[in-house]
């Protein structure tokens, strides 16, 4: 009987863990986006206060980072390495998030959705026809053609990664915040 209870408990815990790990993230809501936008200034000030510790960690972590491979873990790793994970987690909680992981997931989801909206709104950004025409330039060396082909393929991969898997629901909820997101990312504009 004891063994049966132990196995049942283990299976229940396993199924709860698997369900949590593989469940879809919560729906974006206007309130969550508002909290995320408001948190940016707080995180910016926090980053300035902890710049020295973060700089040391980022030197190790970011130098080989590919922006297309940005993930929750790649956002949190420098914080962990700098010994600032608990402090960042507390700031995320003060800003209305469950944890720094929740804040990072929200950041990735909002920024990916904003990028997808931009690419859809400006199809000319996806137009590679001029670059592809250059491939037929008679005096172009093999090295130049290889570099151009590589640039075209990287651009296509970036667009695909930024637009694939973004739901219409997320686009509709993020769209009213685009101007504020743009201003936050590029205050000069």
N, C-alpha and C. Protein backbone atom coordinates (compact mmCIF):
# COMPACT_ATOMS: atom_id res chain seq x y z
N UNK A 1 0.82 -1.19 0.00
CA UNK A 1 0.00 0.00 0.00
C UNK A 1 0.87 1.26 0.00
N UNK A 2 1.92 1.29 0.80
CA UNK A 2 2.83 2.42 0.88
C UNK A 2 3.45 2.69 -0.49
N UNK A 3 3.90 1.64 -1.16
CA UNK A 3 4.51 1.77 -2.48
C UNK A 3 3.52 2.36 -3.47
N UNK A 4 2.27 1.91 -3.43
CA UNK A 4 1.23 2.42 -4.32
C UNK A 4 1.02 3.92 -4.09
N UNK A 5 0.95 4.35 -2.83
CA UNK A 5 0.78 5.78 -2.51
C UNK A 5 1.98 6.59 -3.00
N UNK A 6 3.17 6.06 -2.81
CA UNK A 6 4.38 6.75 -3.25
C UNK A 6 4.37 6.91 -4.77
N UNK A 7 4.02 5.86 -5.48
CA UNK A 7 3.97 5.93 -6.95
C UNK A 7 2.89 6.91 -7.38
N UNK A 8 1.71 6.85 -6.75
CA UNK A 8 0.62 7.77 -7.09
C UNK A 8 1.03 9.22 -6.84
N UNK A 9 1.63 9.48 -5.70
CA UNK A 9 2.08 10.83 -5.37
C UNK A 9 3.12 11.31 -6.38
N UNK A 10 4.06 10.45 -6.71
CA UNK A 10 5.10 10.80 -7.68
C UNK A 10 4.49 11.13 -9.03
N UNK A 11 3.54 10.29 -9.48
CA UNK A 11 2.88 10.54 -10.77
C UNK A 11 2.08 11.83 -10.75
N UNK A 12 1.40 12.11 -9.65
CA UNK A 12 0.65 13.37 -9.53
C UNK A 12 1.58 14.57 -9.60
N UNK A 13 2.66 14.53 -8.85
CA UNK A 13 3.62 15.64 -8.87
C UNK A 13 4.24 15.80 -10.25
N UNK A 14 4.57 14.69 -10.89
CA UNK A 14 5.14 14.74 -12.24
C UNK A 14 4.16 15.36 -13.22
N UNK A 15 2.89 14.94 -13.15
CA UNK A 15 1.90 15.48 -14.09
C UNK A 15 1.66 16.96 -13.85
N UNK A 16 1.67 17.40 -12.60
CA UNK A 16 1.53 18.83 -12.31
C UNK A 16 2.71 19.61 -12.85
N UNK A 17 3.91 19.08 -12.69
CA UNK A 17 5.11 19.74 -13.20
C UNK A 17 5.07 19.82 -14.72
N UNK A 18 4.77 18.72 -15.38
CA UNK A 18 4.71 18.70 -16.84
C UNK A 18 3.63 19.64 -17.33
N UNK A 19 2.48 19.63 -16.68
CA UNK A 19 1.39 20.52 -17.07
C UNK A 19 1.82 21.97 -16.94
N UNK A 20 2.52 22.32 -15.86
CA UNK A 20 2.98 23.69 -15.66
C UNK A 20 4.01 24.08 -16.71
N UNK A 21 4.95 23.22 -16.98
CA UNK A 21 6.03 23.53 -17.93
C UNK A 21 5.49 23.68 -19.34
N UNK A 22 4.55 22.83 -19.74
CA UNK A 22 4.07 22.83 -21.11
C UNK A 22 2.75 23.57 -21.31
N UNK A 23 2.22 24.16 -20.26
CA UNK A 23 0.98 24.90 -20.45
C UNK A 23 1.28 26.20 -21.19
N UNK A 24 0.29 26.68 -21.92
CA UNK A 24 0.51 27.91 -22.66
C UNK A 24 0.58 29.07 -21.68
N UNK A 25 1.35 30.10 -22.03
CA UNK A 25 1.46 31.24 -21.13
C UNK A 25 0.11 31.95 -21.00
N UNK A 26 -0.03 32.68 -19.93
CA UNK A 26 -1.29 33.38 -19.72
C UNK A 26 -1.50 34.39 -20.83
N UNK A 27 -2.76 34.69 -21.07
CA UNK A 27 -3.07 35.67 -22.11
C UNK A 27 -2.50 37.02 -21.73
N UNK A 28 -2.04 37.73 -22.75
CA UNK A 28 -1.63 39.10 -22.51
C UNK A 28 -2.89 39.91 -22.22
N UNK A 29 -2.76 40.81 -21.31
CA UNK A 29 -3.86 41.70 -20.97
C UNK A 29 -3.30 43.12 -20.95
N UNK A 30 -4.18 44.07 -21.18
CA UNK A 30 -3.76 45.47 -21.19
C UNK A 30 -3.06 45.84 -19.88
N UNK A 31 -3.57 45.34 -18.76
CA UNK A 31 -2.97 45.65 -17.46
C UNK A 31 -1.53 45.13 -17.37
N UNK A 32 -1.30 43.94 -17.93
CA UNK A 32 0.04 43.36 -17.91
C UNK A 32 0.99 44.19 -18.76
N UNK A 33 0.52 44.63 -19.92
CA UNK A 33 1.35 45.46 -20.80
C UNK A 33 1.64 46.80 -20.12
N UNK A 34 0.63 47.37 -19.46
CA UNK A 34 0.83 48.62 -18.70
C UNK A 34 1.91 48.42 -17.63
N UNK A 35 1.81 47.31 -16.90
CA UNK A 35 2.82 47.02 -15.86
C UNK A 35 4.20 46.87 -16.48
N UNK A 36 4.26 46.20 -17.62
CA UNK A 36 5.54 46.00 -18.29
C UNK A 36 6.15 47.32 -18.73
N UNK A 37 5.33 48.19 -19.33
CA UNK A 37 5.83 49.50 -19.76
C UNK A 37 6.31 50.30 -18.55
N UNK A 38 5.53 50.29 -17.48
CA UNK A 38 5.92 51.03 -16.27
C UNK A 38 7.19 50.45 -15.66
N UNK A 39 7.39 49.15 -15.79
CA UNK A 39 8.57 48.51 -15.20
C UNK A 39 9.87 48.89 -15.91
N UNK A 40 9.77 49.34 -17.15
CA UNK A 40 10.98 49.62 -17.91
C UNK A 40 11.84 50.71 -17.27
N UNK A 41 11.21 51.78 -16.80
CA UNK A 41 11.97 52.85 -16.13
C UNK A 41 12.59 52.35 -14.84
N UNK A 42 11.84 51.52 -14.12
CA UNK A 42 12.37 50.97 -12.87
C UNK A 42 13.57 50.08 -13.16
N UNK A 43 13.46 49.23 -14.18
CA UNK A 43 14.58 48.35 -14.51
C UNK A 43 15.76 49.13 -15.07
N UNK A 44 15.47 50.21 -15.78
CA UNK A 44 16.56 51.05 -16.30
C UNK A 44 17.34 51.68 -15.14
N UNK A 45 16.63 52.23 -14.16
CA UNK A 45 17.27 52.82 -12.99
C UNK A 45 18.02 51.75 -12.20
N UNK A 46 17.40 50.59 -12.04
CA UNK A 46 18.04 49.47 -11.34
C UNK A 46 19.32 49.05 -12.07
N UNK A 47 19.25 49.00 -13.39
CA UNK A 47 20.42 48.64 -14.20
C UNK A 47 21.55 49.63 -14.04
N UNK A 48 21.21 50.92 -13.98
CA UNK A 48 22.23 51.94 -13.78
C UNK A 48 22.89 51.79 -12.40
N UNK A 49 22.08 51.48 -11.38
CA UNK A 49 22.64 51.30 -10.04
C UNK A 49 23.54 50.07 -9.97
N UNK A 50 23.26 49.08 -10.79
CA UNK A 50 24.02 47.82 -10.76
C UNK A 50 24.89 47.64 -12.00
N UNK A 51 25.18 48.74 -12.67
CA UNK A 51 25.91 48.70 -13.94
C UNK A 51 27.24 47.97 -13.85
N UNK A 52 27.99 48.24 -12.81
CA UNK A 52 29.32 47.63 -12.69
C UNK A 52 29.23 46.10 -12.61
N UNK A 53 28.34 45.60 -11.77
CA UNK A 53 28.17 44.14 -11.64
C UNK A 53 27.65 43.53 -12.92
N UNK A 54 26.69 44.21 -13.56
CA UNK A 54 26.11 43.69 -14.80
C UNK A 54 27.12 43.72 -15.93
N UNK A 55 27.93 44.76 -15.99
CA UNK A 55 28.93 44.88 -17.06
C UNK A 55 29.90 43.71 -17.01
N UNK A 56 30.36 43.36 -15.84
CA UNK A 56 31.28 42.24 -15.69
C UNK A 56 30.64 40.95 -16.16
N UNK A 57 29.40 40.73 -15.79
CA UNK A 57 28.68 39.52 -16.19
C UNK A 57 28.39 39.52 -17.69
N UNK A 58 27.97 40.68 -18.22
CA UNK A 58 27.64 40.76 -19.64
C UNK A 58 28.86 40.55 -20.52
N UNK A 59 30.02 40.99 -20.06
CA UNK A 59 31.24 40.78 -20.85
C UNK A 59 31.42 39.30 -21.14
N UNK A 60 31.10 38.48 -20.19
CA UNK A 60 31.24 37.03 -20.35
C UNK A 60 30.08 36.46 -21.15
N UNK A 61 28.88 36.94 -20.92
CA UNK A 61 27.67 36.33 -21.47
C UNK A 61 27.29 36.83 -22.85
N UNK A 62 27.39 38.12 -23.10
CA UNK A 62 26.81 38.72 -24.29
C UNK A 62 27.72 38.69 -25.51
N UNK A 63 29.01 38.57 -25.31
CA UNK A 63 29.90 38.74 -26.45
C UNK A 63 29.62 37.78 -27.59
N UNK A 64 29.14 36.59 -27.31
CA UNK A 64 28.82 35.63 -28.37
C UNK A 64 27.32 35.47 -28.57
N UNK A 65 26.53 36.31 -27.92
CA UNK A 65 25.07 36.15 -27.99
C UNK A 65 24.54 36.55 -29.36
N UNK A 66 23.58 35.79 -29.83
CA UNK A 66 22.87 36.07 -31.06
C UNK A 66 21.51 36.64 -30.65
N UNK A 67 21.18 37.87 -31.07
CA UNK A 67 19.91 38.46 -30.66
C UNK A 67 18.69 37.61 -31.07
N UNK A 68 18.84 36.82 -32.13
CA UNK A 68 17.74 35.96 -32.56
C UNK A 68 17.53 34.78 -31.62
N UNK A 69 18.50 34.53 -30.77
CA UNK A 69 18.40 33.41 -29.84
C UNK A 69 18.10 33.88 -28.42
N UNK A 70 17.59 35.09 -28.30
CA UNK A 70 17.25 35.63 -27.00
C UNK A 70 16.15 34.78 -26.38
N UNK A 71 16.36 34.43 -25.13
CA UNK A 71 15.40 33.59 -24.42
C UNK A 71 15.30 34.08 -22.99
N UNK A 72 14.35 33.51 -22.27
CA UNK A 72 14.21 33.86 -20.86
C UNK A 72 15.52 33.56 -20.14
N UNK A 73 16.08 32.39 -20.40
CA UNK A 73 17.33 32.00 -19.73
C UNK A 73 18.47 32.95 -20.09
N UNK A 74 18.57 33.36 -21.36
CA UNK A 74 19.67 34.25 -21.74
C UNK A 74 19.50 35.63 -21.13
N UNK A 75 18.28 36.00 -20.77
CA UNK A 75 18.06 37.28 -20.10
C UNK A 75 18.38 37.18 -18.61
N UNK A 76 18.18 36.01 -18.05
CA UNK A 76 18.36 35.83 -16.61
C UNK A 76 19.79 35.42 -16.24
N UNK A 77 20.45 34.74 -17.13
CA UNK A 77 21.80 34.25 -16.84
C UNK A 77 22.76 35.34 -16.36
N UNK A 78 22.82 36.51 -17.03
CA UNK A 78 23.72 37.56 -16.53
C UNK A 78 23.37 38.03 -15.12
N UNK A 79 22.07 38.02 -14.81
CA UNK A 79 21.65 38.42 -13.46
C UNK A 79 22.13 37.42 -12.43
N UNK A 80 22.00 36.15 -12.77
CA UNK A 80 22.45 35.08 -11.87
C UNK A 80 23.97 35.17 -11.68
N UNK A 81 24.68 35.34 -12.80
CA UNK A 81 26.15 35.39 -12.73
C UNK A 81 26.65 36.60 -11.96
N UNK A 82 25.89 37.70 -12.01
CA UNK A 82 26.29 38.91 -11.30
C UNK A 82 25.82 38.92 -9.84
N UNK A 83 25.09 37.88 -9.45
CA UNK A 83 24.57 37.83 -8.08
C UNK A 83 23.41 38.79 -7.86
N UNK A 84 22.72 39.14 -8.94
CA UNK A 84 21.64 40.11 -8.85
C UNK A 84 20.25 39.51 -9.11
N UNK A 85 20.17 38.21 -9.19
CA UNK A 85 18.90 37.56 -9.52
C UNK A 85 17.82 37.87 -8.49
N UNK A 86 18.15 37.78 -7.22
CA UNK A 86 17.16 38.04 -6.17
C UNK A 86 16.69 39.49 -6.21
N UNK A 87 17.62 40.40 -6.42
CA UNK A 87 17.27 41.82 -6.50
C UNK A 87 16.36 42.08 -7.70
N UNK A 88 16.70 41.50 -8.85
CA UNK A 88 15.86 41.67 -10.06
C UNK A 88 14.50 41.02 -9.86
N UNK A 89 14.49 39.88 -9.21
CA UNK A 89 13.23 39.18 -8.94
C UNK A 89 12.32 40.04 -8.05
N UNK A 90 12.91 40.67 -7.04
CA UNK A 90 12.15 41.54 -6.15
C UNK A 90 11.57 42.74 -6.93
N UNK A 91 12.38 43.32 -7.81
CA UNK A 91 11.91 44.44 -8.61
C UNK A 91 10.77 44.01 -9.54
N UNK A 92 10.90 42.83 -10.13
CA UNK A 92 9.83 42.31 -11.00
C UNK A 92 8.54 42.15 -10.19
N UNK A 93 8.65 41.62 -8.99
CA UNK A 93 7.47 41.43 -8.14
C UNK A 93 6.86 42.78 -7.74
N UNK A 94 7.71 43.76 -7.42
CA UNK A 94 7.23 45.11 -7.09
C UNK A 94 6.52 45.74 -8.28
N UNK A 95 6.89 45.30 -9.48
CA UNK A 95 6.30 45.85 -10.71
C UNK A 95 5.06 45.09 -11.16
N UNK A 96 4.62 44.11 -10.36
CA UNK A 96 3.38 43.41 -10.66
C UNK A 96 3.54 42.07 -11.36
N UNK A 97 4.75 41.54 -11.42
CA UNK A 97 5.00 40.26 -12.06
C UNK A 97 5.21 39.19 -11.01
N UNK A 98 4.98 37.94 -11.39
CA UNK A 98 5.16 36.83 -10.45
C UNK A 98 6.63 36.62 -10.10
N UNK A 99 7.50 36.91 -11.07
CA UNK A 99 8.94 36.66 -10.91
C UNK A 99 9.69 37.35 -12.04
N UNK A 100 11.00 37.33 -11.97
CA UNK A 100 11.80 37.88 -13.06
C UNK A 100 11.61 37.04 -14.33
N UNK A 101 11.36 35.75 -14.16
CA UNK A 101 11.09 34.90 -15.33
C UNK A 101 9.80 35.34 -16.02
N UNK A 102 8.78 35.65 -15.23
CA UNK A 102 7.50 36.13 -15.77
C UNK A 102 7.73 37.45 -16.51
N UNK A 103 8.52 38.35 -15.93
CA UNK A 103 8.82 39.63 -16.57
C UNK A 103 9.57 39.39 -17.87
N UNK A 104 10.56 38.50 -17.87
CA UNK A 104 11.34 38.21 -19.08
C UNK A 104 10.46 37.60 -20.16
N UNK A 105 9.60 36.66 -19.78
CA UNK A 105 8.68 36.04 -20.74
C UNK A 105 7.76 37.10 -21.36
N UNK A 106 7.26 38.00 -20.52
CA UNK A 106 6.39 39.08 -20.99
C UNK A 106 7.15 40.00 -21.93
N UNK A 107 8.39 40.31 -21.58
CA UNK A 107 9.22 41.16 -22.43
C UNK A 107 9.40 40.54 -23.81
N UNK A 108 9.76 39.28 -23.84
CA UNK A 108 9.96 38.61 -25.13
C UNK A 108 8.67 38.56 -25.93
N UNK A 109 7.59 38.27 -25.26
CA UNK A 109 6.30 38.14 -25.96
C UNK A 109 5.83 39.47 -26.53
N UNK A 110 5.95 40.54 -25.75
CA UNK A 110 5.51 41.86 -26.22
C UNK A 110 6.41 42.35 -27.35
N UNK A 111 7.72 42.22 -27.18
CA UNK A 111 8.62 42.73 -28.21
C UNK A 111 8.52 41.92 -29.51
N UNK A 112 8.34 40.62 -29.40
CA UNK A 112 8.16 39.79 -30.60
C UNK A 112 6.85 40.16 -31.29
N UNK A 113 5.80 40.37 -30.53
CA UNK A 113 4.52 40.75 -31.11
C UNK A 113 4.62 42.11 -31.78
N UNK A 114 5.28 43.06 -31.13
CA UNK A 114 5.45 44.40 -31.73
C UNK A 114 6.23 44.30 -33.04
N UNK A 115 7.27 43.48 -33.06
CA UNK A 115 8.04 43.30 -34.29
C UNK A 115 7.20 42.67 -35.39
N UNK A 116 6.40 41.68 -35.03
CA UNK A 116 5.53 41.02 -36.02
C UNK A 116 4.54 42.03 -36.61
N UNK A 117 3.98 42.88 -35.77
CA UNK A 117 3.04 43.91 -36.25
C UNK A 117 3.75 44.85 -37.22
N UNK A 118 4.96 45.25 -36.86
CA UNK A 118 5.73 46.15 -37.73
C UNK A 118 6.02 45.52 -39.09
N UNK A 119 6.46 44.26 -39.07
CA UNK A 119 6.75 43.59 -40.34
C UNK A 119 5.50 43.45 -41.20
N UNK A 120 4.37 43.19 -40.57
CA UNK A 120 3.12 43.07 -41.33
C UNK A 120 2.64 44.44 -41.83
N UNK A 121 2.87 45.48 -41.04
CA UNK A 121 2.42 46.82 -41.40
C UNK A 121 3.29 47.45 -42.48
N UNK A 122 4.52 46.98 -42.58
CA UNK A 122 5.48 47.55 -43.53
C UNK A 122 6.10 46.44 -44.36
N UNK A 123 5.34 45.90 -45.32
CA UNK A 123 5.84 44.76 -46.10
C UNK A 123 7.13 45.10 -46.87
N UNK A 124 7.36 46.38 -47.12
CA UNK A 124 8.59 46.76 -47.82
C UNK A 124 9.84 46.39 -47.02
N UNK A 125 9.69 46.24 -45.70
CA UNK A 125 10.83 45.82 -44.87
C UNK A 125 11.24 44.39 -45.21
N UNK A 126 10.31 43.62 -45.75
CA UNK A 126 10.58 42.23 -46.10
C UNK A 126 11.02 42.07 -47.55
N UNK A 127 11.00 43.15 -48.30
CA UNK A 127 11.31 43.09 -49.73
C UNK A 127 12.82 42.97 -49.93
N UNK A 128 13.22 41.81 -50.38
CA UNK A 128 14.64 41.55 -50.62
C UNK A 128 14.96 41.53 -52.11
N UNK A 129 14.03 41.98 -52.92
CA UNK A 129 14.22 41.90 -54.37
C UNK A 129 15.45 42.67 -54.85
N UNK A 130 15.71 43.83 -54.25
CA UNK A 130 16.89 44.60 -54.66
C UNK A 130 18.18 43.85 -54.33
N UNK A 131 18.22 43.25 -53.17
CA UNK A 131 19.41 42.46 -52.81
C UNK A 131 19.55 41.25 -53.73
N UNK A 132 18.42 40.62 -54.04
CA UNK A 132 18.46 39.45 -54.91
C UNK A 132 18.88 39.83 -56.33
N UNK A 133 18.52 41.04 -56.79
CA UNK A 133 18.97 41.51 -58.11
C UNK A 133 20.48 41.67 -58.14
N UNK A 134 21.04 42.08 -57.01
CA UNK A 134 22.50 42.25 -56.94
C UNK A 134 23.24 40.94 -57.21
N UNK A 135 22.58 39.83 -56.92
CA UNK A 135 23.21 38.52 -57.13
C UNK A 135 23.58 38.31 -58.60
N UNK A 136 22.89 39.00 -59.50
CA UNK A 136 23.14 38.85 -60.93
C UNK A 136 24.13 39.87 -61.47
N UNK A 137 24.73 40.66 -60.60
CA UNK A 137 25.73 41.63 -61.03
C UNK A 137 26.93 40.88 -61.59
N UNK A 138 27.33 41.20 -62.84
CA UNK A 138 28.38 40.41 -63.51
C UNK A 138 29.75 40.44 -62.83
N UNK A 139 30.12 41.54 -62.22
CA UNK A 139 31.48 41.65 -61.66
C UNK A 139 31.57 41.26 -60.19
N UNK A 140 30.52 40.65 -59.66
CA UNK A 140 30.53 40.28 -58.25
C UNK A 140 31.33 39.00 -58.06
N UNK A 141 32.24 39.05 -57.10
CA UNK A 141 33.07 37.87 -56.82
C UNK A 141 32.25 36.80 -56.10
N UNK A 142 32.78 35.59 -56.07
CA UNK A 142 32.12 34.49 -55.37
C UNK A 142 31.99 34.81 -53.87
N UNK A 143 33.01 35.44 -53.33
CA UNK A 143 33.00 35.81 -51.91
C UNK A 143 31.89 36.82 -51.63
N UNK A 144 31.76 37.81 -52.50
CA UNK A 144 30.72 38.82 -52.34
C UNK A 144 29.33 38.19 -52.48
N UNK A 145 29.19 37.29 -53.46
CA UNK A 145 27.90 36.60 -53.63
C UNK A 145 27.57 35.76 -52.41
N UNK A 146 28.57 35.10 -51.86
CA UNK A 146 28.34 34.27 -50.66
C UNK A 146 27.92 35.15 -49.48
N UNK A 147 28.57 36.30 -49.34
CA UNK A 147 28.21 37.22 -48.27
C UNK A 147 26.79 37.75 -48.45
N UNK A 148 26.43 38.08 -49.69
CA UNK A 148 25.09 38.58 -49.98
C UNK A 148 24.04 37.50 -49.75
N UNK A 149 24.33 36.29 -50.19
CA UNK A 149 23.42 35.16 -49.97
C UNK A 149 23.23 34.94 -48.48
N UNK A 150 24.31 35.00 -47.73
CA UNK A 150 24.25 34.83 -46.27
C UNK A 150 23.38 35.92 -45.64
N UNK A 151 23.55 37.17 -46.08
CA UNK A 151 22.77 38.28 -45.54
C UNK A 151 21.28 38.10 -45.85
N UNK A 152 20.97 37.66 -47.07
CA UNK A 152 19.57 37.44 -47.45
C UNK A 152 18.97 36.33 -46.60
N UNK A 153 19.70 35.24 -46.43
CA UNK A 153 19.19 34.11 -45.64
C UNK A 153 19.00 34.50 -44.17
N UNK A 154 19.94 35.27 -43.61
CA UNK A 154 19.81 35.71 -42.23
C UNK A 154 18.60 36.62 -42.05
N UNK A 155 18.39 37.50 -43.04
CA UNK A 155 17.24 38.39 -42.97
C UNK A 155 15.93 37.60 -43.01
N UNK A 156 15.85 36.62 -43.90
CA UNK A 156 14.65 35.78 -43.99
C UNK A 156 14.43 35.02 -42.68
N UNK A 157 15.50 34.50 -42.11
CA UNK A 157 15.39 33.75 -40.85
C UNK A 157 14.92 34.66 -39.72
N UNK A 158 15.45 35.89 -39.69
CA UNK A 158 15.06 36.84 -38.65
C UNK A 158 13.57 37.17 -38.76
N UNK A 159 13.12 37.48 -39.97
CA UNK A 159 11.71 37.81 -40.17
C UNK A 159 10.83 36.63 -39.77
N UNK A 160 11.23 35.44 -40.18
CA UNK A 160 10.45 34.25 -39.85
C UNK A 160 10.37 34.06 -38.34
N UNK A 161 11.51 34.20 -37.66
CA UNK A 161 11.53 34.00 -36.21
C UNK A 161 10.69 35.05 -35.49
N UNK A 162 10.74 36.27 -35.98
CA UNK A 162 10.01 37.35 -35.31
C UNK A 162 8.51 37.33 -35.58
N UNK A 163 8.11 36.70 -36.67
CA UNK A 163 6.69 36.74 -37.02
C UNK A 163 5.98 35.41 -36.78
N UNK A 164 6.71 34.33 -36.75
CA UNK A 164 6.10 33.01 -36.60
C UNK A 164 5.61 32.78 -35.17
N UNK A 165 4.42 32.26 -35.07
CA UNK A 165 3.90 31.88 -33.76
C UNK A 165 3.29 33.02 -32.96
N UNK A 166 3.14 34.19 -33.55
CA UNK A 166 2.52 35.31 -32.84
C UNK A 166 1.02 35.25 -33.13
N UNK A 167 0.23 35.19 -32.08
CA UNK A 167 -1.22 35.04 -32.26
C UNK A 167 -1.88 36.37 -32.63
N UNK A 168 -3.02 36.26 -33.26
CA UNK A 168 -3.82 37.45 -33.58
C UNK A 168 -4.28 38.12 -32.28
N UNK A 169 -4.56 37.32 -31.27
CA UNK A 169 -4.96 37.87 -29.97
C UNK A 169 -3.86 38.79 -29.44
N UNK A 170 -2.61 38.30 -29.45
CA UNK A 170 -1.50 39.11 -28.95
C UNK A 170 -1.33 40.38 -29.78
N UNK A 171 -1.44 40.25 -31.10
CA UNK A 171 -1.30 41.44 -31.97
C UNK A 171 -2.37 42.47 -31.63
N UNK A 172 -3.60 42.02 -31.45
CA UNK A 172 -4.70 42.95 -31.15
C UNK A 172 -4.53 43.62 -29.80
N UNK A 173 -3.99 42.91 -28.82
CA UNK A 173 -3.84 43.50 -27.49
C UNK A 173 -2.62 44.42 -27.42
N UNK A 174 -1.57 44.13 -28.21
CA UNK A 174 -0.35 44.96 -28.19
C UNK A 174 -0.49 46.20 -29.07
N UNK A 175 -1.25 46.09 -30.14
CA UNK A 175 -1.35 47.18 -31.13
C UNK A 175 -1.63 48.55 -30.51
N UNK A 176 -2.57 48.70 -29.57
CA UNK A 176 -2.82 50.04 -29.00
C UNK A 176 -1.63 50.61 -28.23
N UNK A 177 -0.66 49.77 -27.89
CA UNK A 177 0.50 50.21 -27.11
C UNK A 177 1.74 50.47 -27.97
N UNK A 178 1.62 50.27 -29.29
CA UNK A 178 2.81 50.35 -30.16
C UNK A 178 3.52 51.70 -30.06
N UNK A 179 2.79 52.77 -30.07
CA UNK A 179 3.43 54.09 -30.01
C UNK A 179 4.25 54.23 -28.73
N UNK A 180 3.68 53.83 -27.62
CA UNK A 180 4.40 53.90 -26.34
C UNK A 180 5.61 52.97 -26.33
N UNK A 181 5.47 51.80 -26.92
CA UNK A 181 6.60 50.86 -26.98
C UNK A 181 7.71 51.45 -27.84
N UNK A 182 7.35 52.05 -28.98
CA UNK A 182 8.36 52.70 -29.83
C UNK A 182 9.07 53.82 -29.09
N UNK A 183 8.31 54.64 -28.38
CA UNK A 183 8.90 55.76 -27.63
C UNK A 183 9.83 55.24 -26.53
N UNK A 184 9.46 54.13 -25.95
CA UNK A 184 10.27 53.55 -24.88
C UNK A 184 11.58 53.02 -25.45
N UNK A 185 11.50 52.37 -26.61
CA UNK A 185 12.69 51.78 -27.22
C UNK A 185 13.60 52.86 -27.81
N UNK A 186 12.98 53.87 -28.44
CA UNK A 186 13.76 54.94 -29.08
C UNK A 186 13.16 56.29 -28.70
N UNK A 187 13.56 56.82 -27.53
CA UNK A 187 12.97 58.07 -27.04
C UNK A 187 13.19 59.25 -27.99
N UNK A 188 14.20 59.22 -28.86
CA UNK A 188 14.46 60.31 -29.79
C UNK A 188 13.38 60.40 -30.87
N UNK A 189 12.69 59.31 -31.11
CA UNK A 189 11.64 59.29 -32.15
C UNK A 189 10.31 59.69 -31.62
